[in-house]
Amino acid sequence: MRETPNGNVIGQVCPDDIFTFLHQQGEWYTVRVDQITGDCSASRVQPSNVGWIHQSLLSAPVAAVPTTTPLPPTATPDFIPINQTQRLGPIRNTEREEGYSTEITLQRVKWSQGVDYNTPKSGYVYVIVYLRITNLGPEPMRSVYRSDFEVMDANGALLGFDTGNALAFDCGLDLVDLIPGGSVEGCIAYEVPESGQVSLIFAPYQYDSMSPGRYLSFPMR
């Protein structure tokens, strides 16, 4: 599995691994790892990894896959569908003594070199993430906002959103409270390294901890 067609290797796939097909570009597919089978390599992919695999290594998809014409090396498609959903909880809001579980769907991402006056610094690129947040209950999910999300780069650095980038891309996620069953959709813009692995991190109430079971990670590249 690679970051881009013919790009850097993310990890090794193994026979009988199960994938969801997200996107096709020429002879390459963007896939999400749903289930791994056995250990054929120490550097094997992990469940939820998203990346590119050549069609010669895959069984043919059983359903139609969105396609685009291959782009020049310096270009990227406007939107790349992800449609990855994960659940977290139960989470305890120790400040209010309330608890809930939540479902986060990373719907799609857009990679950009900037617009008009707004361009990234050298060696960086913008990524705009589009997502949906749902409260599964049983109690309210309070003060849901962009600050619950960060991006982690290949070095483990956590990068926060930038208000200027959000304005440039007409992108936002409202500050809301969600009743059980309620949901909100929005987008968040980040400036990230132009190469290497990048993941969206959801970690509500970060002052509690970021231990296993307290956050979600969505691989984007």
N, C-alpha and C. Protein backbone atom coordinates (compact mmCIF):
# COMPACT_ATOMS: atom_id res chain seq x y z
N MET A 1 0.85 -1.19 0.00
CA MET A 1 0.00 0.00 0.00
C MET A 1 0.89 1.24 0.00
N ARG A 2 0.54 2.23 -0.84
CA ARG A 2 1.37 3.41 -1.01
C ARG A 2 0.59 4.69 -0.70
N GLU A 3 1.33 5.78 -0.44
CA GLU A 3 0.71 7.07 -0.16
C GLU A 3 0.03 7.61 -1.39
N THR A 4 0.63 7.44 -2.56
CA THR A 4 0.12 7.88 -3.84
C THR A 4 0.45 6.79 -4.86
N PRO A 5 -0.14 6.80 -6.08
CA PRO A 5 0.27 5.83 -7.09
C PRO A 5 1.78 5.89 -7.33
N ASN A 6 2.46 4.75 -7.15
CA ASN A 6 3.91 4.65 -7.28
C ASN A 6 4.66 5.48 -6.23
N GLY A 7 3.97 5.91 -5.17
CA GLY A 7 4.60 6.75 -4.16
C GLY A 7 5.21 5.95 -3.03
N ASN A 8 5.47 6.63 -1.91
CA ASN A 8 6.10 6.00 -0.75
C ASN A 8 5.22 4.89 -0.18
N VAL A 9 5.86 3.84 0.32
CA VAL A 9 5.15 2.69 0.85
C VAL A 9 4.62 2.99 2.26
N ILE A 10 3.33 2.69 2.49
CA ILE A 10 2.72 2.81 3.82
C ILE A 10 2.92 1.52 4.60
N GLY A 11 2.67 0.38 3.93
CA GLY A 11 2.79 -0.91 4.59
C GLY A 11 2.54 -2.03 3.61
N GLN A 12 2.74 -3.25 4.08
CA GLN A 12 2.62 -4.43 3.24
C GLN A 12 1.23 -5.04 3.37
N VAL A 13 0.58 -5.32 2.23
CA VAL A 13 -0.69 -6.05 2.26
C VAL A 13 -0.39 -7.54 2.16
N CYS A 14 -1.32 -8.36 2.62
CA CYS A 14 -1.13 -9.81 2.65
C CYS A 14 -2.30 -10.50 1.95
N PRO A 15 -2.10 -11.73 1.48
CA PRO A 15 -3.21 -12.48 0.87
C PRO A 15 -4.40 -12.57 1.80
N ASP A 16 -5.61 -12.37 1.23
CA ASP A 16 -6.89 -12.47 1.94
C ASP A 16 -7.21 -11.27 2.82
N ASP A 17 -6.36 -10.23 2.82
CA ASP A 17 -6.77 -8.99 3.47
C ASP A 17 -8.04 -8.47 2.79
N ILE A 18 -8.91 -7.82 3.55
CA ILE A 18 -10.19 -7.35 3.03
C ILE A 18 -10.19 -5.82 3.01
N PHE A 19 -10.62 -5.24 1.87
CA PHE A 19 -10.58 -3.79 1.68
C PHE A 19 -11.94 -3.27 1.24
N THR A 20 -12.16 -1.96 1.48
CA THR A 20 -13.24 -1.22 0.84
C THR A 20 -12.63 -0.34 -0.25
N PHE A 21 -13.15 -0.44 -1.48
CA PHE A 21 -12.66 0.36 -2.60
C PHE A 21 -13.28 1.76 -2.50
N LEU A 22 -12.43 2.79 -2.49
CA LEU A 22 -12.90 4.16 -2.35
C LEU A 22 -12.82 4.96 -3.64
N HIS A 23 -11.80 4.68 -4.48
CA HIS A 23 -11.53 5.56 -5.61
C HIS A 23 -10.60 4.86 -6.58
N GLN A 24 -10.77 5.09 -7.87
CA GLN A 24 -9.87 4.52 -8.88
C GLN A 24 -9.26 5.62 -9.73
N GLN A 25 -7.96 5.49 -9.98
CA GLN A 25 -7.26 6.41 -10.88
C GLN A 25 -6.34 5.56 -11.75
N GLY A 26 -6.74 5.38 -13.00
CA GLY A 26 -5.97 4.51 -13.89
C GLY A 26 -5.93 3.09 -13.37
N GLU A 27 -4.73 2.54 -13.18
CA GLU A 27 -4.57 1.16 -12.71
C GLU A 27 -4.44 1.08 -11.19
N TRP A 28 -4.70 2.19 -10.50
CA TRP A 28 -4.53 2.24 -9.04
C TRP A 28 -5.87 2.48 -8.36
N TYR A 29 -6.01 1.90 -7.16
CA TYR A 29 -7.20 2.10 -6.34
C TYR A 29 -6.81 2.68 -4.98
N THR A 30 -7.63 3.64 -4.50
CA THR A 30 -7.57 4.02 -3.10
C THR A 30 -8.47 3.06 -2.33
N VAL A 31 -7.93 2.42 -1.30
CA VAL A 31 -8.71 1.46 -0.52
C VAL A 31 -8.54 1.73 0.96
N ARG A 32 -9.50 1.25 1.73
CA ARG A 32 -9.41 1.27 3.19
C ARG A 32 -9.32 -0.17 3.67
N VAL A 33 -8.41 -0.43 4.60
CA VAL A 33 -8.23 -1.78 5.14
C VAL A 33 -9.33 -2.06 6.15
N ASP A 34 -10.18 -3.04 5.86
CA ASP A 34 -11.26 -3.42 6.77
C ASP A 34 -10.86 -4.57 7.70
N GLN A 35 -10.08 -5.51 7.17
CA GLN A 35 -9.71 -6.68 7.97
C GLN A 35 -8.39 -7.24 7.46
N ILE A 36 -7.47 -7.56 8.37
CA ILE A 36 -6.21 -8.17 7.99
C ILE A 36 -6.23 -9.64 8.36
N THR A 37 -5.54 -10.47 7.55
CA THR A 37 -5.53 -11.92 7.74
C THR A 37 -4.10 -12.40 7.80
N GLY A 38 -3.69 -12.88 8.94
CA GLY A 38 -2.34 -13.40 9.07
C GLY A 38 -1.29 -12.30 9.10
N ASP A 39 -0.04 -12.71 9.20
CA ASP A 39 1.09 -11.78 9.24
C ASP A 39 2.13 -12.23 8.23
N CYS A 40 2.12 -11.61 7.05
CA CYS A 40 3.08 -11.97 6.01
C CYS A 40 4.31 -11.08 6.07
N SER A 41 4.27 -10.02 6.89
CA SER A 41 5.38 -9.07 6.93
C SER A 41 5.31 -8.28 8.23
N ALA A 42 6.46 -7.93 8.77
CA ALA A 42 6.49 -7.10 9.98
C ALA A 42 5.99 -5.69 9.71
N SER A 43 6.01 -5.27 8.45
CA SER A 43 5.59 -3.91 8.09
C SER A 43 4.20 -3.90 7.47
N ARG A 44 3.36 -4.88 7.87
CA ARG A 44 2.06 -5.00 7.23
C ARG A 44 1.13 -3.84 7.59
N VAL A 45 0.12 -3.62 6.74
CA VAL A 45 -0.86 -2.58 6.98
C VAL A 45 -1.71 -2.95 8.20
N GLN A 46 -2.43 -1.96 8.70
CA GLN A 46 -3.29 -2.17 9.86
C GLN A 46 -4.73 -1.79 9.49
N PRO A 47 -5.72 -2.35 10.21
CA PRO A 47 -7.11 -1.96 9.94
C PRO A 47 -7.29 -0.45 10.01
N SER A 48 -8.11 0.07 9.10
CA SER A 48 -8.43 1.50 8.94
C SER A 48 -7.38 2.26 8.15
N ASN A 49 -6.20 1.66 7.82
CA ASN A 49 -5.25 2.34 6.93
C ASN A 49 -5.91 2.62 5.59
N VAL A 50 -5.62 3.79 5.02
CA VAL A 50 -6.12 4.17 3.70
C VAL A 50 -4.93 4.47 2.80
N GLY A 51 -4.92 3.94 1.61
CA GLY A 51 -3.81 4.18 0.70
C GLY A 51 -4.10 3.62 -0.68
N TRP A 52 -3.07 3.66 -1.54
CA TRP A 52 -3.20 3.24 -2.94
C TRP A 52 -2.58 1.86 -3.14
N ILE A 53 -3.28 1.00 -3.92
CA ILE A 53 -2.79 -0.33 -4.28
C ILE A 53 -3.01 -0.55 -5.76
N HIS A 54 -2.00 -1.13 -6.45
CA HIS A 54 -2.14 -1.41 -7.88
C HIS A 54 -3.16 -2.52 -8.10
N GLN A 55 -3.90 -2.41 -9.21
CA GLN A 55 -4.96 -3.37 -9.47
C GLN A 55 -4.47 -4.81 -9.59
N SER A 56 -3.18 -5.00 -9.93
CA SER A 56 -2.66 -6.36 -10.08
C SER A 56 -2.62 -7.12 -8.76
N LEU A 57 -2.71 -6.41 -7.62
CA LEU A 57 -2.66 -7.04 -6.31
C LEU A 57 -4.04 -7.26 -5.70
N LEU A 58 -5.09 -6.86 -6.43
CA LEU A 58 -6.44 -6.86 -5.88
C LEU A 58 -7.39 -7.71 -6.71
N SER A 59 -8.35 -8.31 -6.05
CA SER A 59 -9.48 -8.89 -6.77
C SER A 59 -10.34 -7.75 -7.29
N ALA A 60 -11.01 -7.98 -8.42
CA ALA A 60 -11.83 -6.93 -9.02
C ALA A 60 -12.96 -6.53 -8.07
N PRO A 61 -13.24 -5.23 -7.92
CA PRO A 61 -14.34 -4.80 -7.05
C PRO A 61 -15.67 -5.31 -7.57
N VAL A 62 -16.59 -5.60 -6.66
CA VAL A 62 -17.89 -6.14 -7.06
C VAL A 62 -18.87 -5.04 -7.42
N ALA A 63 -18.55 -3.80 -7.08
CA ALA A 63 -19.42 -2.66 -7.40
C ALA A 63 -18.59 -1.57 -8.07
N ALA A 64 -19.28 -0.66 -8.74
CA ALA A 64 -18.60 0.44 -9.42
C ALA A 64 -17.84 1.30 -8.42
N VAL A 65 -16.66 1.78 -8.82
CA VAL A 65 -15.81 2.61 -7.97
C VAL A 65 -15.66 3.97 -8.64
N PRO A 66 -15.83 5.09 -7.89
CA PRO A 66 -15.63 6.42 -8.50
C PRO A 66 -14.24 6.52 -9.13
N THR A 67 -14.16 7.16 -10.29
CA THR A 67 -12.90 7.25 -11.02
C THR A 67 -12.58 8.70 -11.39
N THR A 68 -11.28 8.96 -11.62
CA THR A 68 -10.82 10.21 -12.21
C THR A 68 -9.73 9.89 -13.20
N THR A 69 -9.50 10.80 -14.14
CA THR A 69 -8.39 10.66 -15.07
C THR A 69 -7.09 10.97 -14.33
N PRO A 70 -6.02 10.18 -14.55
CA PRO A 70 -4.75 10.49 -13.89
C PRO A 70 -4.33 11.93 -14.11
N LEU A 71 -3.79 12.54 -13.05
CA LEU A 71 -3.42 13.95 -13.06
C LEU A 71 -1.91 14.11 -13.19
N PRO A 72 -1.42 15.30 -13.55
CA PRO A 72 0.02 15.56 -13.55
C PRO A 72 0.59 15.30 -12.17
N PRO A 73 1.91 15.01 -12.06
CA PRO A 73 2.52 14.66 -10.77
C PRO A 73 2.31 15.70 -9.69
N THR A 74 2.22 16.98 -10.07
CA THR A 74 2.09 18.04 -9.06
C THR A 74 0.65 18.33 -8.69
N ALA A 75 -0.31 17.65 -9.33
CA ALA A 75 -1.72 17.94 -9.08
C ALA A 75 -2.36 16.88 -8.20
N THR A 76 -3.50 17.23 -7.61
CA THR A 76 -4.28 16.28 -6.83
C THR A 76 -5.75 16.48 -7.18
N PRO A 77 -6.59 15.44 -7.07
CA PRO A 77 -8.00 15.62 -7.35
C PRO A 77 -8.63 16.57 -6.35
N ASP A 78 -9.72 17.28 -6.76
CA ASP A 78 -10.37 18.23 -5.88
C ASP A 78 -10.81 17.57 -4.58
N PHE A 79 -11.52 16.45 -4.71
CA PHE A 79 -12.00 15.75 -3.53
C PHE A 79 -11.66 14.28 -3.62
N ILE A 80 -11.24 13.70 -2.52
CA ILE A 80 -11.00 12.27 -2.44
C ILE A 80 -11.98 11.70 -1.43
N PRO A 81 -12.89 10.81 -1.85
CA PRO A 81 -13.85 10.25 -0.90
C PRO A 81 -13.16 9.31 0.09
N ILE A 82 -13.54 9.42 1.36
CA ILE A 82 -13.02 8.53 2.40
C ILE A 82 -14.15 7.67 2.97
N ASN A 83 -15.23 8.36 3.42
CA ASN A 83 -16.42 7.67 3.95
C ASN A 83 -16.05 6.61 4.98
N GLN A 84 -15.24 7.02 5.94
CA GLN A 84 -14.82 6.12 7.01
C GLN A 84 -15.51 6.55 8.31
N THR A 85 -16.18 5.60 8.96
CA THR A 85 -16.91 5.87 10.20
C THR A 85 -16.30 5.09 11.35
N GLN A 86 -16.12 5.77 12.48
CA GLN A 86 -15.64 5.12 13.70
C GLN A 86 -16.47 5.61 14.88
N ARG A 87 -16.53 4.78 15.92
CA ARG A 87 -17.27 5.13 17.12
C ARG A 87 -16.34 5.19 18.33
N LEU A 88 -16.70 6.06 19.26
CA LEU A 88 -15.91 6.24 20.48
C LEU A 88 -16.86 6.36 21.66
N GLY A 89 -16.52 5.67 22.74
CA GLY A 89 -17.33 5.81 23.93
C GLY A 89 -17.56 4.48 24.63
N PRO A 90 -18.19 4.55 25.79
CA PRO A 90 -18.73 5.78 26.40
C PRO A 90 -17.63 6.71 26.91
N ILE A 91 -17.88 8.00 26.78
CA ILE A 91 -16.97 9.05 27.24
C ILE A 91 -17.63 9.76 28.42
N ARG A 92 -16.86 10.04 29.45
CA ARG A 92 -17.39 10.72 30.62
C ARG A 92 -16.91 12.16 30.64
N ASN A 93 -17.85 13.10 30.58
CA ASN A 93 -17.53 14.52 30.75
C ASN A 93 -17.45 14.78 32.24
N THR A 94 -16.21 14.76 32.78
CA THR A 94 -16.04 14.88 34.22
C THR A 94 -16.44 16.24 34.76
N GLU A 95 -16.45 17.24 33.88
CA GLU A 95 -16.83 18.59 34.31
C GLU A 95 -18.31 18.67 34.63
N ARG A 96 -19.13 17.94 33.84
CA ARG A 96 -20.59 18.00 34.02
C ARG A 96 -21.17 16.69 34.56
N GLU A 97 -20.33 15.68 34.72
CA GLU A 97 -20.81 14.37 35.18
C GLU A 97 -21.88 13.83 34.24
N GLU A 98 -21.57 13.87 32.94
CA GLU A 98 -22.45 13.33 31.91
C GLU A 98 -21.65 12.37 31.03
N GLY A 99 -22.35 11.44 30.38
CA GLY A 99 -21.67 10.48 29.53
C GLY A 99 -22.38 10.27 28.21
N TYR A 100 -21.62 9.95 27.18
CA TYR A 100 -22.19 9.72 25.85
C TYR A 100 -21.21 8.88 25.04
N SER A 101 -21.71 8.34 23.93
CA SER A 101 -20.87 7.75 22.89
C SER A 101 -21.09 8.56 21.61
N THR A 102 -20.11 8.54 20.73
CA THR A 102 -20.21 9.36 19.52
C THR A 102 -19.76 8.58 18.29
N GLU A 103 -20.28 9.00 17.15
CA GLU A 103 -19.90 8.41 15.86
C GLU A 103 -19.37 9.53 14.97
N ILE A 104 -18.15 9.35 14.46
CA ILE A 104 -17.50 10.33 13.59
C ILE A 104 -17.34 9.72 12.21
N THR A 105 -17.78 10.43 11.18
CA THR A 105 -17.59 9.99 9.80
C THR A 105 -16.71 11.00 9.07
N LEU A 106 -15.53 10.56 8.62
CA LEU A 106 -14.69 11.37 7.74
C LEU A 106 -15.20 11.13 6.33
N GLN A 107 -15.89 12.12 5.76
CA GLN A 107 -16.59 11.93 4.50
C GLN A 107 -15.67 12.03 3.29
N ARG A 108 -14.85 13.08 3.25
CA ARG A 108 -13.95 13.28 2.11
C ARG A 108 -12.88 14.28 2.52
N VAL A 109 -11.83 14.37 1.71
CA VAL A 109 -10.78 15.36 1.94
C VAL A 109 -10.47 16.08 0.64
N LYS A 110 -9.95 17.27 0.77
CA LYS A 110 -9.50 18.06 -0.39
C LYS A 110 -8.08 18.54 -0.10
N TRP A 111 -7.16 18.30 -1.03
CA TRP A 111 -5.78 18.77 -0.91
C TRP A 111 -5.62 19.99 -1.81
N SER A 112 -4.98 21.03 -1.31
CA SER A 112 -4.91 22.28 -2.06
C SER A 112 -3.57 22.98 -1.85
N GLN A 113 -3.10 23.63 -2.91
CA GLN A 113 -1.91 24.48 -2.83
C GLN A 113 -2.26 25.92 -2.47
N GLY A 114 -3.54 26.15 -2.15
CA GLY A 114 -3.96 27.47 -1.73
C GLY A 114 -4.82 28.17 -2.76
N VAL A 115 -5.41 29.28 -2.36
CA VAL A 115 -6.25 30.09 -3.24
C VAL A 115 -5.88 31.55 -3.07
N ASP A 116 -5.79 32.25 -4.20
CA ASP A 116 -5.51 33.68 -4.20
C ASP A 116 -4.32 34.04 -3.31
N TYR A 117 -4.56 34.83 -2.28
CA TYR A 117 -3.50 35.31 -1.38
C TYR A 117 -3.10 34.27 -0.34
N ASN A 118 -3.88 33.20 -0.20
CA ASN A 118 -3.68 32.25 0.88
C ASN A 118 -2.93 31.02 0.35
N THR A 119 -1.64 30.94 0.62
CA THR A 119 -0.82 29.81 0.17
C THR A 119 -0.03 29.25 1.34
N PRO A 120 0.24 27.93 1.33
CA PRO A 120 0.98 27.32 2.44
C PRO A 120 2.45 27.69 2.39
N LYS A 121 3.14 27.55 3.51
CA LYS A 121 4.58 27.78 3.53
C LYS A 121 5.29 26.67 2.78
N SER A 122 6.55 26.90 2.44
CA SER A 122 7.33 25.95 1.64
C SER A 122 7.35 24.58 2.30
N GLY A 123 7.10 23.52 1.50
CA GLY A 123 7.11 22.16 2.01
C GLY A 123 5.81 21.72 2.63
N TYR A 124 4.77 22.57 2.55
CA TYR A 124 3.49 22.26 3.16
C TYR A 124 2.36 22.37 2.13
N VAL A 125 1.21 21.81 2.48
CA VAL A 125 0.03 21.84 1.63
C VAL A 125 -1.18 21.94 2.55
N TYR A 126 -2.29 22.41 2.02
CA TYR A 126 -3.51 22.46 2.82
C TYR A 126 -4.31 21.17 2.61
N VAL A 127 -4.92 20.70 3.70
CA VAL A 127 -5.90 19.62 3.60
C VAL A 127 -7.17 20.11 4.28
N ILE A 128 -8.28 19.96 3.58
CA ILE A 128 -9.58 20.35 4.12
C ILE A 128 -10.37 19.06 4.33
N VAL A 129 -10.79 18.82 5.56
CA VAL A 129 -11.50 17.59 5.90
C VAL A 129 -12.99 17.90 6.09
N TYR A 130 -13.81 17.04 5.54
CA TYR A 130 -15.26 17.17 5.64
C TYR A 130 -15.78 16.01 6.48
N LEU A 131 -16.55 16.31 7.50
CA LEU A 131 -16.93 15.27 8.46
C LEU A 131 -18.33 15.49 9.02
N ARG A 132 -18.83 14.40 9.62
CA ARG A 132 -20.11 14.43 10.32
C ARG A 132 -19.91 13.86 11.72
N ILE A 133 -20.53 14.51 12.73
CA ILE A 133 -20.43 14.10 14.13
C ILE A 133 -21.83 13.79 14.62
N THR A 134 -22.02 12.61 15.22
CA THR A 134 -23.32 12.20 15.73
C THR A 134 -23.20 11.79 17.19
N ASN A 135 -24.14 12.25 18.01
CA ASN A 135 -24.18 11.86 19.42
C ASN A 135 -25.06 10.62 19.55
N LEU A 136 -24.49 9.52 20.01
CA LEU A 136 -25.23 8.27 20.20
C LEU A 136 -25.86 8.16 21.58
N GLY A 137 -25.67 9.19 22.43
CA GLY A 137 -26.30 9.20 23.75
C GLY A 137 -25.53 8.38 24.77
N PRO A 138 -26.09 8.24 25.97
CA PRO A 138 -27.46 8.59 26.35
C PRO A 138 -27.64 10.04 26.81
N GLU A 139 -26.55 10.80 27.01
CA GLU A 139 -26.66 12.17 27.51
C GLU A 139 -26.08 13.15 26.49
N PRO A 140 -26.26 14.46 26.70
CA PRO A 140 -25.82 15.44 25.70
C PRO A 140 -24.31 15.40 25.45
N MET A 141 -23.95 15.77 24.25
CA MET A 141 -22.55 15.93 23.83
C MET A 141 -22.34 17.44 23.69
N ARG A 142 -21.62 18.03 24.62
CA ARG A 142 -21.59 19.49 24.74
C ARG A 142 -20.33 20.10 24.12
N SER A 143 -20.51 21.33 23.62
CA SER A 143 -19.41 22.15 23.11
C SER A 143 -18.57 21.43 22.06
N VAL A 144 -19.26 20.82 21.09
CA VAL A 144 -18.57 20.17 19.97
C VAL A 144 -17.99 21.26 19.07
N TYR A 145 -16.68 21.18 18.78
CA TYR A 145 -16.06 22.26 18.01
C TYR A 145 -14.81 21.75 17.31
N ARG A 146 -14.23 22.61 16.48
CA ARG A 146 -13.03 22.24 15.73
C ARG A 146 -11.86 21.87 16.63
N SER A 147 -11.84 22.43 17.83
CA SER A 147 -10.72 22.15 18.74
C SER A 147 -10.70 20.70 19.22
N ASP A 148 -11.79 19.94 18.99
CA ASP A 148 -11.79 18.52 19.31
C ASP A 148 -10.99 17.71 18.30
N PHE A 149 -10.59 18.34 17.18
CA PHE A 149 -9.89 17.65 16.10
C PHE A 149 -8.51 18.27 15.89
N GLU A 150 -7.54 17.42 15.59
CA GLU A 150 -6.20 17.86 15.20
C GLU A 150 -5.71 16.91 14.11
N VAL A 151 -4.62 17.29 13.47
CA VAL A 151 -3.99 16.42 12.48
C VAL A 151 -2.63 16.00 13.02
N MET A 152 -2.32 14.70 12.89
CA MET A 152 -1.03 14.18 13.32
C MET A 152 -0.19 13.87 12.08
N ASP A 153 1.06 14.40 12.06
CA ASP A 153 1.93 14.14 10.92
C ASP A 153 2.80 12.91 11.19
N ALA A 154 3.70 12.60 10.25
CA ALA A 154 4.51 11.39 10.34
C ALA A 154 5.45 11.40 11.54
N ASN A 155 5.75 12.59 12.09
CA ASN A 155 6.63 12.71 13.25
C ASN A 155 5.89 12.66 14.58
N GLY A 156 4.57 12.49 14.51
CA GLY A 156 3.78 12.46 15.74
C GLY A 156 3.42 13.83 16.26
N ALA A 157 3.66 14.88 15.47
CA ALA A 157 3.29 16.24 15.88
C ALA A 157 1.80 16.46 15.62
N LEU A 158 1.10 17.07 16.59
CA LEU A 158 -0.31 17.38 16.46
C LEU A 158 -0.47 18.82 15.99
N LEU A 159 -1.18 19.00 14.87
CA LEU A 159 -1.34 20.30 14.24
C LEU A 159 -2.79 20.74 14.36
N GLY A 160 -3.00 21.96 14.87
CA GLY A 160 -4.35 22.48 15.04
C GLY A 160 -4.86 23.19 13.81
N PHE A 161 -6.17 23.49 13.81
CA PHE A 161 -6.78 24.20 12.68
C PHE A 161 -6.32 25.65 12.66
N ASP A 162 -6.48 26.28 11.50
CA ASP A 162 -6.08 27.67 11.33
C ASP A 162 -7.29 28.47 10.87
N THR A 163 -7.65 29.51 11.62
CA THR A 163 -8.83 30.30 11.30
C THR A 163 -8.71 30.97 9.94
N GLY A 164 -7.51 31.47 9.59
CA GLY A 164 -7.32 32.11 8.29
C GLY A 164 -7.57 31.14 7.15
N ASN A 165 -7.08 29.90 7.28
CA ASN A 165 -7.33 28.90 6.23
C ASN A 165 -8.81 28.60 6.11
N ALA A 166 -9.51 28.53 7.23
CA ALA A 166 -10.94 28.24 7.20
C ALA A 166 -11.69 29.32 6.42
N LEU A 167 -11.32 30.58 6.63
CA LEU A 167 -11.98 31.67 5.91
C LEU A 167 -11.67 31.60 4.42
N ALA A 168 -10.43 31.30 4.07
CA ALA A 168 -10.03 31.24 2.67
C ALA A 168 -10.79 30.16 1.92
N PHE A 169 -11.07 29.03 2.56
CA PHE A 169 -11.74 27.92 1.89
C PHE A 169 -13.24 27.88 2.20
N ASP A 170 -13.77 28.95 2.81
CA ASP A 170 -15.19 29.02 3.16
C ASP A 170 -15.59 27.75 3.90
N CYS A 171 -14.86 27.46 4.96
CA CYS A 171 -14.98 26.18 5.64
C CYS A 171 -15.21 26.42 7.12
N GLY A 172 -16.12 25.67 7.72
CA GLY A 172 -16.35 25.87 9.13
C GLY A 172 -17.07 24.69 9.78
N LEU A 173 -17.00 24.65 11.10
CA LEU A 173 -17.72 23.69 11.91
C LEU A 173 -18.24 24.45 13.11
N ASP A 174 -19.57 24.60 13.20
CA ASP A 174 -20.17 25.41 14.24
C ASP A 174 -19.95 24.81 15.63
N LEU A 175 -19.84 25.67 16.63
CA LEU A 175 -19.81 25.25 18.03
C LEU A 175 -21.23 24.91 18.44
N VAL A 176 -21.48 23.64 18.79
CA VAL A 176 -22.84 23.20 19.09
C VAL A 176 -22.84 22.24 20.28
N ASP A 177 -24.00 22.11 20.91
CA ASP A 177 -24.31 21.00 21.80
C ASP A 177 -25.20 20.06 21.01
N LEU A 178 -24.98 18.75 21.16
CA LEU A 178 -25.78 17.76 20.45
C LEU A 178 -26.59 16.94 21.46
N ILE A 179 -27.91 16.92 21.28
CA ILE A 179 -28.74 16.04 22.08
C ILE A 179 -28.55 14.61 21.58
N PRO A 180 -28.92 13.59 22.33
CA PRO A 180 -28.80 12.22 21.85
C PRO A 180 -29.52 12.04 20.51
N GLY A 181 -28.83 11.49 19.53
CA GLY A 181 -29.37 11.34 18.18
C GLY A 181 -29.08 12.51 17.27
N GLY A 182 -28.59 13.62 17.84
CA GLY A 182 -28.30 14.80 17.03
C GLY A 182 -26.97 14.67 16.29
N SER A 183 -26.84 15.43 15.20
CA SER A 183 -25.61 15.39 14.41
C SER A 183 -25.33 16.75 13.81
N VAL A 184 -24.08 16.96 13.42
CA VAL A 184 -23.67 18.19 12.76
C VAL A 184 -22.61 17.84 11.73
N GLU A 185 -22.61 18.58 10.60
CA GLU A 185 -21.60 18.39 9.56
C GLU A 185 -20.84 19.69 9.37
N GLY A 186 -19.59 19.57 8.94
CA GLY A 186 -18.78 20.75 8.68
C GLY A 186 -17.44 20.36 8.11
N CYS A 187 -16.57 21.34 7.99
CA CYS A 187 -15.23 21.07 7.47
C CYS A 187 -14.20 21.89 8.24
N ILE A 188 -12.96 21.40 8.25
CA ILE A 188 -11.87 22.03 8.97
C ILE A 188 -10.65 22.04 8.06
N ALA A 189 -9.90 23.14 8.03
CA ALA A 189 -8.72 23.27 7.17
C ALA A 189 -7.45 23.23 8.01
N TYR A 190 -6.44 22.51 7.50
CA TYR A 190 -5.15 22.38 8.18
C TYR A 190 -4.02 22.61 7.19
N GLU A 191 -2.89 23.06 7.69
CA GLU A 191 -1.66 23.15 6.91
C GLU A 191 -0.74 22.03 7.38
N VAL A 192 -0.39 21.12 6.44
CA VAL A 192 0.34 19.90 6.82
C VAL A 192 1.54 19.70 5.89
N PRO A 193 2.52 18.88 6.28
CA PRO A 193 3.64 18.58 5.39
C PRO A 193 3.13 18.00 4.07
N GLU A 194 3.79 18.34 2.95
CA GLU A 194 3.31 17.91 1.65
C GLU A 194 3.58 16.43 1.36
N SER A 195 4.33 15.74 2.21
CA SER A 195 4.55 14.31 2.05
C SER A 195 4.55 13.65 3.43
N GLY A 196 4.42 12.32 3.43
CA GLY A 196 4.39 11.58 4.69
C GLY A 196 2.98 11.32 5.17
N GLN A 197 2.85 10.41 6.11
CA GLN A 197 1.55 10.03 6.63
C GLN A 197 0.91 11.18 7.38
N VAL A 198 -0.41 11.31 7.21
CA VAL A 198 -1.20 12.34 7.89
C VAL A 198 -2.50 11.69 8.34
N SER A 199 -2.87 11.90 9.61
CA SER A 199 -4.10 11.34 10.15
C SER A 199 -4.89 12.41 10.86
N LEU A 200 -6.22 12.34 10.75
CA LEU A 200 -7.11 13.20 11.52
C LEU A 200 -7.35 12.56 12.87
N ILE A 201 -7.16 13.32 13.96
CA ILE A 201 -7.33 12.83 15.32
C ILE A 201 -8.54 13.51 15.95
N PHE A 202 -9.44 12.71 16.52
CA PHE A 202 -10.58 13.23 17.29
C PHE A 202 -10.34 12.86 18.74
N ALA A 203 -10.21 13.88 19.60
CA ALA A 203 -9.90 13.64 21.01
C ALA A 203 -10.66 14.64 21.88
N PRO A 204 -11.94 14.38 22.18
CA PRO A 204 -12.68 15.31 23.03
C PRO A 204 -12.14 15.31 24.46
N TYR A 205 -12.26 16.46 25.13
CA TYR A 205 -11.78 16.61 26.51
C TYR A 205 -10.33 16.15 26.63
N GLN A 206 -9.46 16.78 25.84
CA GLN A 206 -8.06 16.36 25.79
C GLN A 206 -7.35 16.53 27.12
N TYR A 207 -7.90 17.37 28.00
CA TYR A 207 -7.26 17.52 29.31
C TYR A 207 -7.42 16.26 30.15
N ASP A 208 -8.36 15.36 29.79
CA ASP A 208 -8.50 14.10 30.52
C ASP A 208 -7.35 13.16 30.18
N SER A 209 -7.17 12.86 28.88
CA SER A 209 -6.05 12.02 28.43
C SER A 209 -6.21 11.74 26.95
N MET A 210 -5.13 11.24 26.32
CA MET A 210 -5.22 10.71 24.97
C MET A 210 -4.75 9.26 25.00
N SER A 211 -5.19 8.53 26.00
CA SER A 211 -4.84 7.12 26.12
C SER A 211 -5.71 6.29 25.18
N PRO A 212 -5.33 5.04 24.90
CA PRO A 212 -6.14 4.18 24.02
C PRO A 212 -7.59 4.12 24.49
N GLY A 213 -8.51 4.22 23.55
CA GLY A 213 -9.92 4.24 23.89
C GLY A 213 -10.47 5.62 24.16
N ARG A 214 -9.59 6.64 24.12
CA ARG A 214 -10.02 8.02 24.37
C ARG A 214 -9.91 8.91 23.14
N TYR A 215 -9.52 8.34 22.02
CA TYR A 215 -9.44 9.15 20.80
C TYR A 215 -9.61 8.24 19.58
N LEU A 216 -9.88 8.86 18.43
CA LEU A 216 -9.99 8.16 17.15
C LEU A 216 -8.94 8.69 16.19
N SER A 217 -8.46 7.83 15.29
CA SER A 217 -7.48 8.23 14.29
C SER A 217 -7.96 7.79 12.91
N PHE A 218 -8.03 8.75 11.96
CA PHE A 218 -8.46 8.49 10.60
C PHE A 218 -7.29 8.75 9.64
N PRO A 219 -6.65 7.71 9.11
CA PRO A 219 -5.57 7.93 8.14
C PRO A 219 -6.11 8.62 6.88
N MET A 220 -5.41 9.67 6.44
CA MET A 220 -5.81 10.40 5.24
C MET A 220 -4.78 10.28 4.13
N ARG A 221 -3.52 10.00 4.50
CA ARG A 221 -2.45 9.86 3.48
C ARG A 221 -1.35 8.99 4.04
